[in-house]
Amino acid sequence: MRQFQLPYIVAIRSNHGVLMPKGQRVRYNRRHAYDQPLAERPTQRRYIREIIFGQRRPIRYYQITKGSTDHPDRADSWFIMTNLAGDVLLSVGRQYTLRT
């Protein structure tokens, strides 16, 4: 997809590795609430936060959860990776729903 310069949002596993220069750290930004429209079910409240590995890069990582706690249950969390540009924090969760 990078070769054809296509925008994407993909699911990744929680153990997905990211290479970082030595001495850099992983930052978990604060969670933002948004309402997730669901097909054939009522809208649900979800929370999304960006995970930054070292420095912010064109490929960005997010964690989406059903709960607002700092340590959500793994069954209620999923991770996504995207190359969408700009301020996509709240739109990326809604756009990811289009996968179904």
Protein backbone atom coordinates (compact mmCIF):
# COMPACT_ATOMS: atom_id res chain seq x y z
CA MET A 1 0.00 0.00 0.00
CA ARG A 2 2.92 2.32 0.64
CA GLN A 3 4.19 1.73 -2.89
CA PHE A 4 0.87 2.89 -4.37
CA GLN A 5 0.47 5.68 -1.75
CA LEU A 6 -2.91 4.36 -0.62
CA PRO A 7 -4.44 5.49 2.68
CA TYR A 8 -5.14 2.63 5.09
CA ILE A 9 -6.34 1.63 8.53
CA VAL A 10 -5.46 -1.93 9.53
CA ALA A 11 -5.84 -4.03 12.65
CA ILE A 12 -2.66 -5.18 14.33
CA ARG A 13 -1.98 -7.53 17.22
CA SER A 14 -1.08 -6.15 20.62
CA ASN A 15 2.37 -7.75 20.27
CA HIS A 16 3.16 -5.91 16.99
CA GLY A 17 6.76 -4.73 17.11
CA VAL A 18 8.01 -1.24 16.24
CA LEU A 19 11.71 -0.44 15.87
CA MET A 20 12.88 2.56 17.85
CA PRO A 21 16.30 4.13 18.36
CA LYS A 22 17.91 3.29 21.70
CA GLY A 23 16.88 5.61 24.51
CA GLN A 24 13.44 6.49 23.12
CA ARG A 25 10.28 5.52 24.94
CA VAL A 26 6.69 4.58 24.22
CA ARG A 27 4.09 7.24 25.07
CA TYR A 28 0.41 6.55 25.58
CA ASN A 29 -1.61 9.73 25.04
CA ARG A 30 -4.81 10.36 26.96
CA ARG A 31 -8.03 8.68 25.90
CA HIS A 32 -10.73 10.48 23.94
CA ALA A 33 -14.35 9.33 24.03
CA TYR A 34 -16.43 8.98 20.89
CA ASP A 35 -19.75 7.36 20.02
CA GLN A 36 -19.44 4.34 17.75
CA PRO A 37 -22.44 3.73 15.48
CA LEU A 38 -23.04 -0.01 15.14
CA ALA A 39 -25.09 -1.87 12.57
CA GLU A 40 -28.26 -3.40 14.02
CA ARG A 41 -27.33 -2.32 17.57
CA PRO A 42 -27.43 0.92 19.56
CA THR A 43 -24.47 3.30 19.41
CA GLN A 44 -21.74 2.49 21.96
CA ARG A 45 -19.27 4.73 23.76
CA ARG A 46 -15.64 3.90 22.85
CA TYR A 47 -12.30 5.40 23.83
CA ILE A 48 -9.28 5.92 21.60
CA ARG A 49 -5.72 6.97 22.33
CA GLU A 50 -2.64 7.34 20.20
CA ILE A 51 0.46 5.31 21.05
CA ILE A 52 3.70 7.01 20.01
CA PHE A 53 6.81 4.89 19.64
CA GLY A 54 9.71 7.31 20.14
CA GLN A 55 8.81 10.18 17.82
CA ARG A 56 5.58 10.67 15.88
CA ARG A 57 5.89 9.22 12.38
CA PRO A 58 3.72 9.09 9.23
CA ILE A 59 2.49 5.64 10.32
CA ARG A 60 0.52 6.05 13.55
CA TYR A 61 -0.78 3.57 16.11
CA TYR A 62 -3.97 3.68 18.17
CA GLN A 63 -5.65 1.65 20.88
CA ILE A 64 -9.45 1.53 20.91
CA THR A 65 -11.29 0.23 23.97
CA LYS A 66 -14.81 -0.19 25.23
CA GLY A 67 -13.73 0.99 28.69
CA SER A 68 -12.16 4.22 29.89
CA THR A 69 -9.78 2.70 32.44
CA ASP A 70 -5.99 2.99 32.21
CA HIS A 71 -5.69 -0.81 32.08
CA PRO A 72 -8.62 -2.07 29.98
CA ASP A 73 -9.32 -5.75 29.55
CA ARG A 74 -7.49 -7.14 26.49
CA ALA A 75 -10.75 -8.66 25.28
CA ASP A 76 -12.23 -5.16 25.08
CA SER A 77 -9.25 -3.54 23.29
CA TRP A 78 -7.90 -3.61 19.80
CA PHE A 79 -5.00 -1.90 18.08
CA ILE A 80 -4.87 -0.25 14.70
CA MET A 81 -2.20 1.23 12.46
CA THR A 82 -2.83 3.96 9.88
CA ASN A 83 -1.05 6.29 7.52
CA LEU A 84 -3.92 8.83 7.42
CA ALA A 85 -2.56 12.36 7.69
CA GLY A 86 -3.77 15.22 9.84
CA ASP A 87 -5.77 15.21 13.05
CA VAL A 88 -7.55 11.88 12.72
CA LEU A 89 -7.86 10.93 16.38
CA LEU A 90 -11.64 10.75 16.58
CA SER A 91 -12.36 9.97 12.93
CA VAL A 92 -10.01 6.97 12.77
CA GLY A 93 -12.21 4.93 15.11
CA ARG A 94 -15.32 5.62 13.05
CA GLN A 95 -13.49 4.92 9.80
CA TYR A 96 -12.15 1.64 11.16
CA THR A 97 -15.75 0.51 11.73
CA LEU A 98 -16.20 0.46 7.94
CA ARG A 99 -14.17 -2.79 7.90
CA THR A 100 -17.36 -4.76 8.46
